[in-house]
Amino acid sequence: MTTLTLRLNKEEEQIFNSISGLYGGKLSTTIKQLALEKIEDEYDLQLIKDFESREEKGEITLIEFDDLKKEFDL
């Protein structure tokens, strides 16, 4: 397991400590969870950008839900 050192000024420490209860009460857990959420958000944003780019190029075909059900005999 890797150990990281993070330097926080008093204001940053107060901010993280004030929300740490939402993430299990530990500062390390809070920072890890926030970092993972940020990574997930950035990944989701990139997926959206890729989709929109492909949509602009006409590479995306959308199918109505009812048509999809008919196609699979549902």
C-alpha atoms as a PDB file:
ATOM      1  CA  MET A   1       0.000   0.000   0.000  1.00  0.00           C
ATOM      2  CA  THR A   2       1.312   3.454  -0.883  1.00  0.00           C
ATOM      3  CA  THR A   3       1.414   6.257   1.645  1.00  0.00           C
ATOM      4  CA  LEU A   4       1.051   9.842   0.450  1.00  0.00           C
ATOM      5  CA  THR A   5       1.737  13.043   2.324  1.00  0.00           C
ATOM      6  CA  LEU A   6      -0.602  15.934   1.634  1.00  0.00           C
ATOM      7  CA  ARG A   7       0.034  19.399   2.999  1.00  0.00           C
ATOM      8  CA  LEU A   8      -3.060  21.442   3.790  1.00  0.00           C
ATOM      9  CA  ASN A   9      -3.287  24.972   5.068  1.00  0.00           C
ATOM     10  CA  LYS A  10      -5.693  25.623   7.946  1.00  0.00           C
ATOM     11  CA  GLU A  11      -8.548  26.660   5.644  1.00  0.00           C
ATOM     12  CA  GLU A  12      -8.186  23.543   3.479  1.00  0.00           C
ATOM     13  CA  GLU A  13      -7.993  21.361   6.573  1.00  0.00           C
ATOM     14  CA  GLN A  14     -11.198  22.885   7.937  1.00  0.00           C
ATOM     15  CA  ILE A  15     -12.988  22.336   4.622  1.00  0.00           C
ATOM     16  CA  PHE A  16     -11.987  18.671   4.427  1.00  0.00           C
ATOM     17  CA  ASN A  17     -12.723  18.036   8.084  1.00  0.00           C
ATOM     18  CA  SER A  18     -16.162  19.627   7.766  1.00  0.00           C
ATOM     19  CA  ILE A  19     -17.209  17.173   5.041  1.00  0.00           C
ATOM     20  CA  SER A  20     -15.356  14.102   6.302  1.00  0.00           C
ATOM     21  CA  GLY A  21     -18.506  12.899   8.076  1.00  0.00           C
ATOM     22  CA  LEU A  22     -20.054  12.263   4.665  1.00  0.00           C
ATOM     23  CA  TYR A  23     -17.228   9.852   3.807  1.00  0.00           C
ATOM     24  CA  GLY A  24     -16.839   7.770   6.937  1.00  0.00           C
ATOM     25  CA  GLY A  25     -15.374  10.367   9.256  1.00  0.00           C
ATOM     26  CA  LYS A  26     -11.720   9.922   8.311  1.00  0.00           C
ATOM     27  CA  LEU A  27      -9.785  12.574   6.423  1.00  0.00           C
ATOM     28  CA  SER A  28      -7.896   9.998   4.344  1.00  0.00           C
ATOM     29  CA  THR A  29     -11.137   8.285   3.323  1.00  0.00           C
ATOM     30  CA  THR A  30     -12.650  11.640   2.383  1.00  0.00           C
ATOM     31  CA  ILE A  31      -9.725  12.625   0.175  1.00  0.00           C
ATOM     32  CA  LYS A  32      -9.598   9.206  -1.529  1.00  0.00           C
ATOM     33  CA  GLN A  33     -13.341   9.224  -2.207  1.00  0.00           C
ATOM     34  CA  LEU A  34     -13.276  12.770  -3.576  1.00  0.00           C
ATOM     35  CA  ALA A  35     -10.344  11.894  -5.852  1.00  0.00           C
ATOM     36  CA  LEU A  36     -12.115   8.788  -7.156  1.00  0.00           C
ATOM     37  CA  GLU A  37     -15.325  10.760  -7.753  1.00  0.00           C
ATOM     38  CA  LYS A  38     -13.357  13.372  -9.718  1.00  0.00           C
ATOM     39  CA  ILE A  39     -11.745  10.666 -11.863  1.00  0.00           C
ATOM     40  CA  GLU A  40     -15.164   9.129 -12.517  1.00  0.00           C
ATOM     41  CA  ASP A  41     -16.633  12.519 -13.444  1.00  0.00           C
ATOM     42  CA  GLU A  42     -13.772  13.207 -15.878  1.00  0.00           C
ATOM     43  CA  TYR A  43     -14.201   9.759 -17.449  1.00  0.00           C
ATOM     44  CA  ASP A  44     -17.949  10.305 -17.847  1.00  0.00           C
ATOM     45  CA  LEU A  45     -17.338  13.726 -19.400  1.00  0.00           C
ATOM     46  CA  GLN A  46     -14.913  12.214 -21.904  1.00  0.00           C
ATOM     47  CA  LEU A  47     -17.484   9.555 -22.851  1.00  0.00           C
ATOM     48  CA  ILE A  48     -20.054  12.300 -23.458  1.00  0.00           C
ATOM     49  CA  LYS A  49     -17.608  14.303 -25.589  1.00  0.00           C
ATOM     50  CA  ASP A  50     -16.755  11.208 -27.626  1.00  0.00           C
ATOM     51  CA  PHE A  51     -20.451  10.433 -28.140  1.00  0.00           C
ATOM     52  CA  GLU A  52     -21.233  14.000 -29.202  1.00  0.00           C
ATOM     53  CA  SER A  53     -18.299  13.993 -31.620  1.00  0.00           C
ATOM     54  CA  ARG A  54     -19.438  10.724 -33.189  1.00  0.00           C
ATOM     55  CA  GLU A  55     -23.008  12.029 -33.319  1.00  0.00           C
ATOM     56  CA  GLU A  56     -21.880  15.164 -35.201  1.00  0.00           C
ATOM     57  CA  LYS A  57     -20.070  12.937 -37.721  1.00  0.00           C
ATOM     58  CA  GLY A  58     -23.221  10.889 -38.264  1.00  0.00           C
ATOM     59  CA  GLU A  59     -21.669   7.758 -36.777  1.00  0.00           C
ATOM     60  CA  ILE A  60     -24.481   7.240 -34.256  1.00  0.00           C
ATOM     61  CA  THR A  61     -27.787   5.564 -35.033  1.00  0.00           C
ATOM     62  CA  LEU A  62     -30.520   5.899 -32.447  1.00  0.00           C
ATOM     63  CA  ILE A  63     -33.313   3.338 -32.202  1.00  0.00           C
ATOM     64  CA  GLU A  64     -36.682   4.008 -30.589  1.00  0.00           C
ATOM     65  CA  PHE A  65     -37.354   1.800 -27.574  1.00  0.00           C
ATOM     66  CA  ASP A  66     -40.551   0.381 -29.098  1.00  0.00           C
ATOM     67  CA  ASP A  67     -38.654  -0.538 -32.264  1.00  0.00           C
ATOM     68  CA  LEU A  68     -35.976  -2.230 -30.192  1.00  0.00           C
ATOM     69  CA  LYS A  69     -38.601  -4.269 -28.339  1.00  0.00           C
ATOM     70  CA  LYS A  70     -40.090  -5.379 -31.666  1.00  0.00           C
ATOM     71  CA  GLU A  71     -36.652  -6.326 -32.964  1.00  0.00           C
ATOM     72  CA  PHE A  72     -36.113  -8.627 -29.976  1.00  0.00           C
ATOM     73  CA  ASP A  73     -39.735  -9.821 -29.801  1.00  0.00           C
ATOM     74  CA  LEU A  74     -40.269  -8.385 -26.325  1.00  0.00           C
END
